[in-house]
Amino acid sequence: MLVAENMNGINLSSLSDDIRGDAAKDFDLDAITNEMEADVNPLRVIIDCTNSEDVAGYYEQWLSAGINIISPGRKGASGPLDMYQRCIELQKENSVYWQYESSVGAALPIITTLKDLADTGDNILALRGSVSGALAYVFSEFSEEMPFSEALGRAVEKGYTENDLREDLSGLDTARKVVVLARQIGLDVDVKDVEVESLLPEGLADKVYEGVEGKTALDAALIEDVKAIDEAMLKRYQEAKANDANLRYKFTIDRESGKCSVSLQAVSKKDPLFRLKKNENLVEFVTTRYEESPMIIKGAAAGPELAATGIFADLLRVTRAFSSLQS
């Protein structure tokens, strides 16, 4: 990691060289925390792109120190409920902001819309849709001519999957997003409370790939093993098409029952997910105002550019909020 030596900050033009040079230090969360706490800048922001539980474990300390946090990863907002609730309270106590809009839907305004609906007195009845850009792409490409494993490989090549694509296939990534959304509408749930249908072949979740080094090699090994379910997935595809339906990895959150679920479903033409394209996400908001005709937010939501857009939008929200307090 690099730490600026003065108020001029880090020279971005030489960043790629400096991070490998003598000035670079070993990654140290305590050192980062000390530097941020000692900084006299009134607006301090940490952008956590790690999706690490270890980093999320520092959120309470950072918020207590008056440091704003932006977290596109989901380990904080979907982490242990007691930690999440403490972080929410610490924002209020210390007049800081924890922004994680980009943790669900990248740059799509899903969480912002939920907050706006609640703040204006609407009652959220249910949420449903698809929030995995990777699996949206896979099921858009998957066909009788293209095996499931090959479609998955293409999603990996485009950078749509998680660092360990088992998080996509197991439904864990989607379950975390579901928890983030469910907590926004007042449900006290953890990841373990979400009913999830995993698409992983048996034995793959905990498989250790001895001698396989690097993400590219691991992805290739995993895709090779995923071929074991190509035939079963083709059968589900054919059954869906026989009923004039499309396969979609769909989530549902029901506020009244508190039930949260994620599963592979054959959706009919009446379902908004039927026309889901490529790397899109879609969230359907069923509320008191929008019960007969639910509000829908839909758009591309996978890939590094969209992720960066969502993070930047979160940063702008923090800076605008800070500026309003100064005026």
C-alpha atoms as a PDB file:
ATOM      1  CA  MET A   1       0.000   0.000   0.000  1.00  0.00           C
ATOM      2  CA  LEU A   2       0.996   3.645  -0.424  1.00  0.00           C
ATOM      3  CA  VAL A   3       0.665   6.408   2.148  1.00  0.00           C
ATOM      4  CA  ALA A   4       0.982  10.063   1.119  1.00  0.00           C
ATOM      5  CA  GLU A   5       3.870  11.867   2.786  1.00  0.00           C
ATOM      6  CA  ASN A   6       2.202  15.299   2.694  1.00  0.00           C
ATOM      7  CA  MET A   7      -0.983  17.160   1.783  1.00  0.00           C
ATOM      8  CA  ASN A   8      -0.177  16.855  -1.914  1.00  0.00           C
ATOM      9  CA  GLY A   9      -1.370  13.274  -1.750  1.00  0.00           C
ATOM     10  CA  ILE A  10      -0.324  10.386  -3.974  1.00  0.00           C
ATOM     11  CA  ASN A  11       0.928  11.021  -7.505  1.00  0.00           C
ATOM     12  CA  LEU A  12      -1.595   9.133  -9.615  1.00  0.00           C
ATOM     13  CA  SER A  13       0.513   9.384 -12.772  1.00  0.00           C
ATOM     14  CA  SER A  14       3.203   7.174 -11.220  1.00  0.00           C
ATOM     15  CA  LEU A  15       0.900   5.053  -9.040  1.00  0.00           C
ATOM     16  CA  SER A  16       1.445   1.777 -10.913  1.00  0.00           C
ATOM     17  CA  ASP A  17       5.221   2.095 -10.509  1.00  0.00           C
ATOM     18  CA  ASP A  18       5.171   3.454  -6.955  1.00  0.00           C
ATOM     19  CA  ILE A  19       3.001   0.629  -5.645  1.00  0.00           C
ATOM     20  CA  ARG A  20       5.783  -1.775  -6.650  1.00  0.00           C
ATOM     21  CA  GLY A  21       8.633   0.451  -5.516  1.00  0.00           C
ATOM     22  CA  ASP A  22      10.478   1.116  -2.282  1.00  0.00           C
ATOM     23  CA  ALA A  23       7.811   3.520  -1.019  1.00  0.00           C
ATOM     24  CA  ALA A  24       5.188   0.757  -0.901  1.00  0.00           C
ATOM     25  CA  LYS A  25       4.342  -0.806   2.451  1.00  0.00           C
ATOM     26  CA  ASP A  26       2.687  -4.055   3.409  1.00  0.00           C
ATOM     27  CA  PHE A  27      -1.077  -3.841   3.652  1.00  0.00           C
ATOM     28  CA  ASP A  28      -1.893  -2.976   7.264  1.00  0.00           C
ATOM     29  CA  LEU A  29      -5.415  -2.099   8.400  1.00  0.00           C
ATOM     30  CA  ASP A  30      -4.180  -0.710  11.703  1.00  0.00           C
ATOM     31  CA  ALA A  31      -1.746   1.576   9.895  1.00  0.00           C
ATOM     32  CA  ILE A  32      -4.494   2.773   7.559  1.00  0.00           C
ATOM     33  CA  THR A  33      -6.752   3.424  10.548  1.00  0.00           C
ATOM     34  CA  ASN A  34      -4.040   5.382  12.381  1.00  0.00           C
ATOM     35  CA  GLU A  35      -3.348   7.521   9.310  1.00  0.00           C
ATOM     36  CA  MET A  36      -7.033   8.285   8.815  1.00  0.00           C
ATOM     37  CA  GLU A  37      -7.653   9.073  12.477  1.00  0.00           C
ATOM     38  CA  ALA A  38      -4.661  11.457  12.523  1.00  0.00           C
ATOM     39  CA  ASP A  39      -5.779  13.255   9.359  1.00  0.00           C
ATOM     40  CA  VAL A  40      -7.155  16.733  10.105  1.00  0.00           C
ATOM     41  CA  ASN A  41      -9.198  16.821   6.900  1.00  0.00           C
ATOM     42  CA  PRO A  42     -12.850  17.327   7.938  1.00  0.00           C
ATOM     43  CA  LEU A  43     -14.053  15.001   5.163  1.00  0.00           C
ATOM     44  CA  ARG A  44     -12.373  11.613   5.388  1.00  0.00           C
ATOM     45  CA  VAL A  45     -13.593   8.709   3.275  1.00  0.00           C
ATOM     46  CA  ILE A  46     -12.540   5.073   3.052  1.00  0.00           C
ATOM     47  CA  ILE A  47     -13.657   3.202  -0.071  1.00  0.00           C
ATOM     48  CA  ASP A  48     -13.622  -0.515   0.700  1.00  0.00           C
ATOM     49  CA  CYS A  49     -13.431  -2.512  -2.531  1.00  0.00           C
ATOM     50  CA  THR A  50     -12.116  -5.658  -0.857  1.00  0.00           C
ATOM     51  CA  ASN A  51     -15.311  -7.579  -0.006  1.00  0.00           C
ATOM     52  CA  SER A  52     -13.342  -8.767   3.031  1.00  0.00           C
ATOM     53  CA  GLU A  53     -14.778  -9.662   6.434  1.00  0.00           C
ATOM     54  CA  ASP A  54     -11.526  -8.512   8.047  1.00  0.00           C
ATOM     55  CA  VAL A  55     -11.914  -5.033   6.558  1.00  0.00           C
ATOM     56  CA  ALA A  56     -15.621  -4.884   7.418  1.00  0.00           C
ATOM     57  CA  GLY A  57     -14.597  -5.613  10.998  1.00  0.00           C
ATOM     58  CA  TYR A  58     -13.050  -2.110  11.151  1.00  0.00           C
ATOM     59  CA  TYR A  59     -16.233  -0.280  10.109  1.00  0.00           C
ATOM     60  CA  GLU A  60     -17.353   0.417  13.668  1.00  0.00           C
ATOM     61  CA  GLN A  61     -13.980   1.890  14.587  1.00  0.00           C
ATOM     62  CA  TRP A  62     -13.874   4.053  11.456  1.00  0.00           C
ATOM     63  CA  LEU A  63     -17.405   5.385  11.882  1.00  0.00           C
ATOM     64  CA  SER A  64     -16.711   6.099  15.554  1.00  0.00           C
ATOM     65  CA  ALA A  65     -13.693   8.151  14.468  1.00  0.00           C
ATOM     66  CA  GLY A  66     -15.805  10.241  12.097  1.00  0.00           C
ATOM     67  CA  ILE A  67     -14.624   8.502   8.921  1.00  0.00           C
ATOM     68  CA  ASN A  68     -17.139   8.009   6.093  1.00  0.00           C
ATOM     69  CA  ILE A  69     -17.276   4.620   4.374  1.00  0.00           C
ATOM     70  CA  ILE A  70     -18.225   3.545   0.883  1.00  0.00           C
ATOM     71  CA  SER A  71     -18.520  -0.203   0.439  1.00  0.00           C
ATOM     72  CA  PRO A  72     -19.394  -1.712  -2.942  1.00  0.00           C
ATOM     73  CA  GLY A  73     -18.666  -5.108  -1.373  1.00  0.00           C
ATOM     74  CA  ARG A  74     -21.377  -6.781   0.674  1.00  0.00           C
ATOM     75  CA  LYS A  75     -19.497  -8.158   3.691  1.00  0.00           C
ATOM     76  CA  GLY A  76     -20.499  -5.149   5.786  1.00  0.00           C
ATOM     77  CA  ALA A  77     -24.102  -4.459   4.779  1.00  0.00           C
ATOM     78  CA  SER A  78     -24.962  -8.187   4.787  1.00  0.00           C
ATOM     79  CA  GLY A  79     -22.629  -9.084   7.648  1.00  0.00           C
ATOM     80  CA  PRO A  80     -23.634 -10.063  11.203  1.00  0.00           C
ATOM     81  CA  LEU A  81     -26.856  -8.286  12.116  1.00  0.00           C
ATOM     82  CA  ASP A  82     -25.551  -6.866  15.390  1.00  0.00           C
ATOM     83  CA  MET A  83     -22.545  -5.313  13.628  1.00  0.00           C
ATOM     84  CA  TYR A  84     -24.771  -3.866  10.904  1.00  0.00           C
ATOM     85  CA  GLN A  85     -27.124  -2.317  13.452  1.00  0.00           C
ATOM     86  CA  ARG A  86     -24.248  -0.784  15.405  1.00  0.00           C
ATOM     87  CA  CYS A  87     -22.862   0.758  12.226  1.00  0.00           C
ATOM     88  CA  ILE A  88     -26.253   2.287  11.423  1.00  0.00           C
ATOM     89  CA  GLU A  89     -26.382   3.848  14.892  1.00  0.00           C
ATOM     90  CA  LEU A  90     -22.776   5.057  14.697  1.00  0.00           C
ATOM     91  CA  GLN A  91     -23.600   7.015  11.541  1.00  0.00           C
ATOM     92  CA  LYS A  92     -26.195   9.006  13.453  1.00  0.00           C
ATOM     93  CA  GLU A  93     -24.051   9.462  16.541  1.00  0.00           C
ATOM     94  CA  ASN A  94     -21.019  10.722  14.620  1.00  0.00           C
ATOM     95  CA  SER A  95     -22.684  12.555  11.700  1.00  0.00           C
ATOM     96  CA  VAL A  96     -20.934  10.391   9.124  1.00  0.00           C
ATOM     97  CA  TYR A  97     -22.139   8.382   6.165  1.00  0.00           C
ATOM     98  CA  TRP A  98     -21.914   4.716   5.236  1.00  0.00           C
ATOM     99  CA  GLN A  99     -22.865   4.416   1.594  1.00  0.00           C
ATOM    100  CA  TYR A 100     -23.380   1.025  -0.034  1.00  0.00           C
ATOM    101  CA  GLU A 101     -25.756   1.733  -2.910  1.00  0.00           C
ATOM    102  CA  SER A 102     -23.200   0.150  -5.248  1.00  0.00           C
ATOM    103  CA  SER A 103     -23.311  -3.145  -3.304  1.00  0.00           C
ATOM    104  CA  VAL A 104     -26.554  -4.080  -5.107  1.00  0.00           C
ATOM    105  CA  GLY A 105     -27.039  -3.314  -8.773  1.00  0.00           C
ATOM    106  CA  ALA A 106     -23.765  -1.423  -9.270  1.00  0.00           C
ATOM    107  CA  ALA A 107     -24.865   2.015 -10.538  1.00  0.00           C
ATOM    108  CA  LEU A 108     -28.618   1.312 -10.472  1.00  0.00           C
ATOM    109  CA  PRO A 109     -30.471   3.429  -7.854  1.00  0.00           C
ATOM    110  CA  ILE A 110     -32.042   0.492  -6.036  1.00  0.00           C
ATOM    111  CA  ILE A 111     -31.244   1.260  -2.392  1.00  0.00           C
ATOM    112  CA  THR A 112     -31.760   5.000  -2.936  1.00  0.00           C
ATOM    113  CA  THR A 113     -35.219   4.269  -4.327  1.00  0.00           C
ATOM    114  CA  LEU A 114     -36.076   2.093  -1.336  1.00  0.00           C
ATOM    115  CA  LYS A 115     -35.043   4.873   1.037  1.00  0.00           C
ATOM    116  CA  ASP A 116     -37.003   7.470  -0.923  1.00  0.00           C
ATOM    117  CA  LEU A 117     -40.153   5.333  -0.873  1.00  0.00           C
ATOM    118  CA  ALA A 118     -39.861   4.769   2.882  1.00  0.00           C
ATOM    119  CA  ASP A 119     -39.041   8.424   3.620  1.00  0.00           C
ATOM    120  CA  THR A 120     -42.124   9.584   1.722  1.00  0.00           C
ATOM    121  CA  GLY A 121     -44.423   7.282   3.683  1.00  0.00           C
ATOM    122  CA  ASP A 122     -44.843   4.373   1.270  1.00  0.00           C
ATOM    123  CA  ASN A 123     -45.097   0.827   2.624  1.00  0.00           C
ATOM    124  CA  ILE A 124     -42.884  -1.798   0.962  1.00  0.00           C
ATOM    125  CA  LEU A 125     -44.846  -5.042   0.604  1.00  0.00           C
ATOM    126  CA  ALA A 126     -42.419  -7.137  -1.433  1.00  0.00           C
ATOM    127  CA  LEU A 127     -39.313  -7.024  -3.583  1.00  0.00           C
ATOM    128  CA  ARG A 128     -38.511  -9.472  -6.342  1.00  0.00           C
ATOM    129  CA  GLY A 129     -36.292  -9.751  -9.369  1.00  0.00           C
ATOM    130  CA  SER A 130     -32.745 -10.724 -10.268  1.00  0.00           C
ATOM    131  CA  VAL A 131     -29.599  -9.074  -8.900  1.00  0.00           C
ATOM    132  CA  SER A 132     -26.863 -11.283 -10.348  1.00  0.00           C
ATOM    133  CA  GLY A 133     -25.486  -9.743 -13.516  1.00  0.00           C
ATOM    134  CA  ALA A 134     -23.283 -12.799 -13.983  1.00  0.00           C
ATOM    135  CA  LEU A 135     -26.173 -15.285 -13.921  1.00  0.00           C
ATOM    136  CA  ALA A 136     -28.370 -12.971 -15.986  1.00  0.00           C
ATOM    137  CA  TYR A 137     -25.697 -13.127 -18.666  1.00  0.00           C
ATOM    138  CA  VAL A 138     -25.294 -16.903 -18.345  1.00  0.00           C
ATOM    139  CA  PHE A 139     -29.014 -17.591 -18.749  1.00  0.00           C
ATOM    140  CA  SER A 140     -29.263 -15.153 -21.651  1.00  0.00           C
ATOM    141  CA  GLU A 141     -26.469 -16.975 -23.522  1.00  0.00           C
ATOM    142  CA  PHE A 142     -27.265 -20.542 -22.445  1.00  0.00           C
ATOM    143  CA  SER A 143     -29.093 -22.553 -25.126  1.00  0.00           C
ATOM    144  CA  GLU A 144     -29.218 -25.953 -26.796  1.00  0.00           C
ATOM    145  CA  GLU A 145     -26.265 -24.821 -28.916  1.00  0.00           C
ATOM    146  CA  MET A 146     -24.261 -23.337 -26.006  1.00  0.00           C
ATOM    147  CA  PRO A 147     -23.796 -25.505 -22.889  1.00  0.00           C
ATOM    148  CA  PHE A 148     -24.288 -23.969 -19.457  1.00  0.00           C
ATOM    149  CA  SER A 149     -20.569 -24.307 -18.632  1.00  0.00           C
ATOM    150  CA  GLU A 150     -19.571 -22.502 -21.831  1.00  0.00           C
ATOM    151  CA  ALA A 151     -21.969 -19.630 -21.107  1.00  0.00           C
ATOM    152  CA  LEU A 152     -20.447 -19.410 -17.635  1.00  0.00           C
ATOM    153  CA  GLY A 153     -16.978 -19.278 -19.167  1.00  0.00           C
ATOM    154  CA  ARG A 154     -18.011 -16.320 -21.306  1.00  0.00           C
ATOM    155  CA  ALA A 155     -19.320 -14.492 -18.236  1.00  0.00           C
ATOM    156  CA  VAL A 156     -15.931 -15.046 -16.583  1.00  0.00           C
ATOM    157  CA  GLU A 157     -14.112 -13.668 -19.636  1.00  0.00           C
ATOM    158  CA  LYS A 158     -16.214 -10.500 -19.499  1.00  0.00           C
ATOM    159  CA  GLY A 159     -15.398  -9.960 -15.839  1.00  0.00           C
ATOM    160  CA  TYR A 160     -18.994 -10.401 -14.661  1.00  0.00           C
ATOM    161  CA  THR A 161     -18.376 -13.070 -12.010  1.00  0.00           C
ATOM    162  CA  GLU A 162     -17.045 -12.809  -8.460  1.00  0.00           C
ATOM    163  CA  ASN A 163     -13.371 -13.535  -7.731  1.00  0.00           C
ATOM    164  CA  ASP A 164     -14.471 -17.063  -6.827  1.00  0.00           C
ATOM    165  CA  LEU A 165     -17.269 -17.887  -9.242  1.00  0.00           C
ATOM    166  CA  ARG A 166     -18.600 -20.441  -6.751  1.00  0.00           C
ATOM    167  CA  GLU A 167     -20.103 -17.452  -4.934  1.00  0.00           C
ATOM    168  CA  ASP A 168     -22.212 -16.794  -8.043  1.00  0.00           C
ATOM    169  CA  LEU A 169     -23.208 -20.409  -8.646  1.00  0.00           C
ATOM    170  CA  SER A 170     -23.931 -21.230  -5.010  1.00  0.00           C
ATOM    171  CA  GLY A 171     -26.277 -18.267  -4.751  1.00  0.00           C
ATOM    172  CA  LEU A 172     -24.199 -16.805  -1.909  1.00  0.00           C
ATOM    173  CA  ASP A 173     -23.533 -13.552  -3.758  1.00  0.00           C
ATOM    174  CA  THR A 174     -27.236 -13.104  -4.526  1.00  0.00           C
ATOM    175  CA  ALA A 175     -28.201 -14.052  -0.965  1.00  0.00           C
ATOM    176  CA  ARG A 176     -25.956 -11.313   0.415  1.00  0.00           C
ATOM    177  CA  LYS A 177     -27.622  -8.770  -1.861  1.00  0.00           C
ATOM    178  CA  VAL A 178     -31.027 -10.015  -0.753  1.00  0.00           C
ATOM    179  CA  VAL A 179     -30.017  -9.462   2.884  1.00  0.00           C
ATOM    180  CA  VAL A 180     -28.889  -5.907   2.067  1.00  0.00           C
ATOM    181  CA  LEU A 181     -32.280  -5.170   0.490  1.00  0.00           C
ATOM    182  CA  ALA A 182     -34.309  -6.953   3.171  1.00  0.00           C
ATOM    183  CA  ARG A 183     -32.646  -4.922   5.916  1.00  0.00           C
ATOM    184  CA  GLN A 184     -33.589  -1.744   4.080  1.00  0.00           C
ATOM    185  CA  ILE A 185     -37.273  -2.581   4.508  1.00  0.00           C
ATOM    186  CA  GLY A 186     -36.969  -3.452   8.183  1.00  0.00           C
ATOM    187  CA  LEU A 187     -36.345  -7.199   8.159  1.00  0.00           C
ATOM    188  CA  ASP A 188     -33.760  -8.370  10.697  1.00  0.00           C
ATOM    189  CA  VAL A 189     -32.265 -11.168   8.622  1.00  0.00           C
ATOM    190  CA  ASP A 190     -28.865 -12.749   8.112  1.00  0.00           C
ATOM    191  CA  VAL A 191     -27.550 -14.670   5.109  1.00  0.00           C
ATOM    192  CA  LYS A 192     -28.412 -17.964   6.803  1.00  0.00           C
ATOM    193  CA  ASP A 193     -32.090 -16.924   6.829  1.00  0.00           C
ATOM    194  CA  VAL A 194     -32.288 -16.786   3.015  1.00  0.00           C
ATOM    195  CA  GLU A 195     -33.585 -19.913   1.296  1.00  0.00           C
ATOM    196  CA  VAL A 196     -31.127 -20.498  -1.547  1.00  0.00           C
ATOM    197  CA  GLU A 197     -31.066 -22.934  -4.439  1.00  0.00           C
ATOM    198  CA  SER A 198     -27.433 -23.601  -5.286  1.00  0.00           C
ATOM    199  CA  LEU A 199     -26.425 -24.343  -8.870  1.00  0.00           C
ATOM    200  CA  LEU A 200     -23.076 -25.825  -7.850  1.00  0.00           C
ATOM    201  CA  PRO A 201     -22.379 -29.462  -8.729  1.00  0.00           C
ATOM    202  CA  GLU A 202     -22.203 -31.725  -5.688  1.00  0.00           C
ATOM    203  CA  GLY A 203     -18.865 -31.588  -3.883  1.00  0.00           C
ATOM    204  CA  LEU A 204     -17.676 -28.435  -5.615  1.00  0.00           C
ATOM    205  CA  ALA A 205     -18.405 -25.960  -2.820  1.00  0.00           C
ATOM    206  CA  ASP A 206     -15.544 -27.132  -0.599  1.00  0.00           C
ATOM    207  CA  LYS A 207     -13.284 -28.647  -3.226  1.00  0.00           C
ATOM    208  CA  VAL A 208      -9.612 -27.722  -2.885  1.00  0.00           C
ATOM    209  CA  TYR A 209      -7.732 -27.418  -6.167  1.00  0.00           C
ATOM    210  CA  GLU A 210      -4.231 -28.546  -5.322  1.00  0.00           C
ATOM    211  CA  GLY A 211      -1.511 -27.014  -7.485  1.00  0.00           C
ATOM    212  CA  VAL A 212      -3.891 -24.544  -9.139  1.00  0.00           C
ATOM    213  CA  GLU A 213      -2.535 -21.021  -8.788  1.00  0.00           C
ATOM    214  CA  GLY A 214      -4.127 -17.744  -9.810  1.00  0.00           C
ATOM    215  CA  LYS A 215      -7.693 -16.767 -10.627  1.00  0.00           C
ATOM    216  CA  THR A 216      -7.473 -17.674 -14.317  1.00  0.00           C
ATOM    217  CA  ALA A 217      -6.369 -21.232 -13.575  1.00  0.00           C
ATOM    218  CA  LEU A 218      -8.972 -21.638 -10.821  1.00  0.00           C
ATOM    219  CA  ASP A 219     -11.748 -20.364 -13.081  1.00  0.00           C
ATOM    220  CA  ALA A 220     -10.734 -22.842 -15.776  1.00  0.00           C
ATOM    221  CA  ALA A 221     -10.710 -25.727 -13.300  1.00  0.00           C
ATOM    222  CA  LEU A 222     -14.100 -24.763 -11.899  1.00  0.00           C
ATOM    223  CA  ILE A 223     -15.679 -24.435 -15.345  1.00  0.00           C
ATOM    224  CA  GLU A 224     -14.355 -27.870 -16.239  1.00  0.00           C
ATOM    225  CA  ASP A 225     -16.093 -29.302 -13.173  1.00  0.00           C
ATOM    226  CA  VAL A 226     -19.297 -27.387 -13.914  1.00  0.00           C
ATOM    227  CA  LYS A 227     -19.610 -29.414 -17.111  1.00  0.00           C
ATOM    228  CA  ALA A 228     -20.971 -32.158 -14.845  1.00  0.00           C
ATOM    229  CA  ILE A 229     -24.322 -30.334 -14.690  1.00  0.00           C
ATOM    230  CA  ASP A 230     -24.557 -29.334 -18.360  1.00  0.00           C
ATOM    231  CA  GLU A 231     -26.980 -32.150 -19.133  1.00  0.00           C
ATOM    232  CA  ALA A 232     -29.215 -31.441 -16.131  1.00  0.00           C
ATOM    233  CA  MET A 233     -29.280 -27.730 -16.911  1.00  0.00           C
ATOM    234  CA  LEU A 234     -30.118 -28.438 -20.543  1.00  0.00           C
ATOM    235  CA  LYS A 235     -33.100 -30.481 -19.400  1.00  0.00           C
ATOM    236  CA  ARG A 236     -34.370 -27.585 -17.283  1.00  0.00           C
ATOM    237  CA  TYR A 237     -33.825 -25.235 -20.227  1.00  0.00           C
ATOM    238  CA  GLN A 238     -35.824 -27.478 -22.558  1.00  0.00           C
ATOM    239  CA  GLU A 239     -38.638 -27.845 -20.025  1.00  0.00           C
ATOM    240  CA  ALA A 240     -38.845 -24.069 -19.685  1.00  0.00           C
ATOM    241  CA  LYS A 241     -38.892 -23.513 -23.434  1.00  0.00           C
ATOM    242  CA  ALA A 242     -41.591 -26.176 -23.839  1.00  0.00           C
ATOM    243  CA  ASN A 243     -43.767 -23.985 -21.603  1.00  0.00           C
ATOM    244  CA  ASP A 244     -42.782 -20.791 -23.452  1.00  0.00           C
ATOM    245  CA  ALA A 245     -40.738 -19.637 -20.468  1.00  0.00           C
ATOM    246  CA  ASN A 246     -37.174 -18.495 -19.747  1.00  0.00           C
ATOM    247  CA  LEU A 247     -34.854 -19.571 -16.928  1.00  0.00           C
ATOM    248  CA  ARG A 248     -33.976 -16.800 -14.498  1.00  0.00           C
ATOM    249  CA  TYR A 249     -32.212 -16.771 -11.124  1.00  0.00           C
ATOM    250  CA  LYS A 250     -34.924 -14.981  -9.165  1.00  0.00           C
ATOM    251  CA  PHE A 251     -35.148 -13.601  -5.645  1.00  0.00           C
ATOM    252  CA  THR A 252     -38.218 -12.783  -3.588  1.00  0.00           C
ATOM    253  CA  ILE A 253     -38.518 -10.816  -0.348  1.00  0.00           C
ATOM    254  CA  ASP A 254     -41.915 -10.822   1.347  1.00  0.00           C
ATOM    255  CA  ARG A 255     -42.152  -8.266   4.120  1.00  0.00           C
ATOM    256  CA  GLU A 256     -45.225  -9.640   5.878  1.00  0.00           C
ATOM    257  CA  SER A 257     -43.917 -13.198   6.233  1.00  0.00           C
ATOM    258  CA  GLY A 258     -40.267 -12.142   6.444  1.00  0.00           C
ATOM    259  CA  LYS A 259     -39.401 -14.850   3.940  1.00  0.00           C
ATOM    260  CA  CYS A 260     -36.422 -14.313   1.626  1.00  0.00           C
ATOM    261  CA  SER A 261     -35.606 -16.794  -1.139  1.00  0.00           C
ATOM    262  CA  VAL A 262     -33.428 -17.251  -4.205  1.00  0.00           C
ATOM    263  CA  SER A 263     -33.974 -19.945  -6.821  1.00  0.00           C
ATOM    264  CA  LEU A 264     -33.758 -20.823 -10.496  1.00  0.00           C
ATOM    265  CA  GLN A 265     -37.218 -20.394 -11.962  1.00  0.00           C
ATOM    266  CA  ALA A 266     -38.900 -20.743 -15.327  1.00  0.00           C
ATOM    267  CA  VAL A 267     -40.604 -17.365 -15.762  1.00  0.00           C
ATOM    268  CA  SER A 268     -43.476 -16.719 -18.152  1.00  0.00           C
ATOM    269  CA  LYS A 269     -43.918 -13.781 -20.508  1.00  0.00           C
ATOM    270  CA  LYS A 270     -45.979 -12.054 -17.808  1.00  0.00           C
ATOM    271  CA  ASP A 271     -42.948 -11.845 -15.545  1.00  0.00           C
ATOM    272  CA  PRO A 272     -40.725  -8.756 -16.083  1.00  0.00           C
ATOM    273  CA  LEU A 273     -37.704 -11.072 -15.831  1.00  0.00           C
ATOM    274  CA  PHE A 274     -38.714 -12.852 -19.042  1.00  0.00           C
ATOM    275  CA  ARG A 275     -37.048 -10.134 -21.122  1.00  0.00           C
ATOM    276  CA  LEU A 276     -33.991  -9.710 -18.892  1.00  0.00           C
ATOM    277  CA  LYS A 277     -30.961  -9.178 -21.130  1.00  0.00           C
ATOM    278  CA  LYS A 278     -27.291 -10.017 -20.895  1.00  0.00           C
ATOM    279  CA  ASN A 279     -25.819  -8.530 -17.708  1.00  0.00           C
ATOM    280  CA  GLU A 280     -28.923  -6.746 -16.465  1.00  0.00           C
ATOM    281  CA  ASN A 281     -30.350  -6.547 -12.967  1.00  0.00           C
ATOM    282  CA  LEU A 282     -34.032  -5.995 -12.294  1.00  0.00           C
ATOM    283  CA  VAL A 283     -35.838  -5.171  -9.069  1.00  0.00           C
ATOM    284  CA  GLU A 284     -39.614  -4.975  -8.840  1.00  0.00           C
ATOM    285  CA  PHE A 285     -40.975  -2.826  -5.990  1.00  0.00           C
ATOM    286  CA  VAL A 286     -44.405  -3.878  -4.751  1.00  0.00           C
ATOM    287  CA  THR A 287     -45.646  -1.165  -2.396  1.00  0.00           C
ATOM    288  CA  THR A 288     -48.889   0.346  -1.166  1.00  0.00           C
ATOM    289  CA  ARG A 289     -48.608   2.958  -3.929  1.00  0.00           C
ATOM    290  CA  TYR A 290     -47.287   0.570  -6.550  1.00  0.00           C
ATOM    291  CA  GLU A 291     -49.241  -2.598  -5.763  1.00  0.00           C
ATOM    292  CA  GLU A 292     -51.328  -2.977  -8.919  1.00  0.00           C
ATOM    293  CA  SER A 293     -48.536  -1.768 -11.175  1.00  0.00           C
ATOM    294  CA  PRO A 294     -45.179  -2.307  -9.393  1.00  0.00           C
ATOM    295  CA  MET A 295     -42.271   0.056  -9.931  1.00  0.00           C
ATOM    296  CA  ILE A 296     -39.389  -1.557 -11.817  1.00  0.00           C
ATOM    297  CA  ILE A 297     -35.729  -0.568 -11.957  1.00  0.00           C
ATOM    298  CA  LYS A 298     -33.794  -2.390 -14.647  1.00  0.00           C
ATOM    299  CA  GLY A 299     -30.452  -1.978 -16.371  1.00  0.00           C
ATOM    300  CA  ALA A 300     -26.938  -3.281 -16.928  1.00  0.00           C
ATOM    301  CA  ALA A 301     -25.226  -3.995 -13.615  1.00  0.00           C
ATOM    302  CA  ALA A 302     -22.144  -6.142 -14.143  1.00  0.00           C
ATOM    303  CA  GLY A 303     -18.582  -5.294 -15.116  1.00  0.00           C
ATOM    304  CA  PRO A 304     -15.861  -2.969 -13.809  1.00  0.00           C
ATOM    305  CA  GLU A 305     -17.083   0.240 -15.502  1.00  0.00           C
ATOM    306  CA  LEU A 306     -20.557   0.016 -13.989  1.00  0.00           C
ATOM    307  CA  ALA A 307     -19.113  -0.895 -10.595  1.00  0.00           C
ATOM    308  CA  ALA A 308     -16.835   2.161 -10.748  1.00  0.00           C
ATOM    309  CA  THR A 309     -19.803   4.353 -11.701  1.00  0.00           C
ATOM    310  CA  GLY A 310     -21.738   3.139  -8.675  1.00  0.00           C
ATOM    311  CA  ILE A 311     -18.801   3.778  -6.341  1.00  0.00           C
ATOM    312  CA  PHE A 312     -18.291   7.282  -7.729  1.00  0.00           C
ATOM    313  CA  ALA A 313     -22.004   8.028  -7.294  1.00  0.00           C
ATOM    314  CA  ASP A 314     -21.737   6.955  -3.637  1.00  0.00           C
ATOM    315  CA  LEU A 315     -18.725   9.253  -3.213  1.00  0.00           C
ATOM    316  CA  LEU A 316     -20.691  12.159  -4.685  1.00  0.00           C
ATOM    317  CA  ARG A 317     -23.533  11.495  -2.216  1.00  0.00           C
ATOM    318  CA  VAL A 318     -21.089  11.726   0.681  1.00  0.00           C
ATOM    319  CA  THR A 319     -19.495  14.943  -0.594  1.00  0.00           C
ATOM    320  CA  ARG A 320     -22.880  16.568  -1.293  1.00  0.00           C
ATOM    321  CA  ALA A 321     -24.110  15.659   2.184  1.00  0.00           C
ATOM    322  CA  PHE A 322     -20.954  17.095   3.730  1.00  0.00           C
ATOM    323  CA  SER A 323     -21.241  20.289   1.704  1.00  0.00           C
ATOM    324  CA  SER A 324     -24.843  20.777   2.825  1.00  0.00           C
ATOM    325  CA  LEU A 325     -23.761  20.566   6.454  1.00  0.00           C
ATOM    326  CA  GLN A 326     -21.148  23.274   5.894  1.00  0.00           C
ATOM    327  CA  SER A 327     -23.513  25.767   4.298  1.00  0.00           C
END
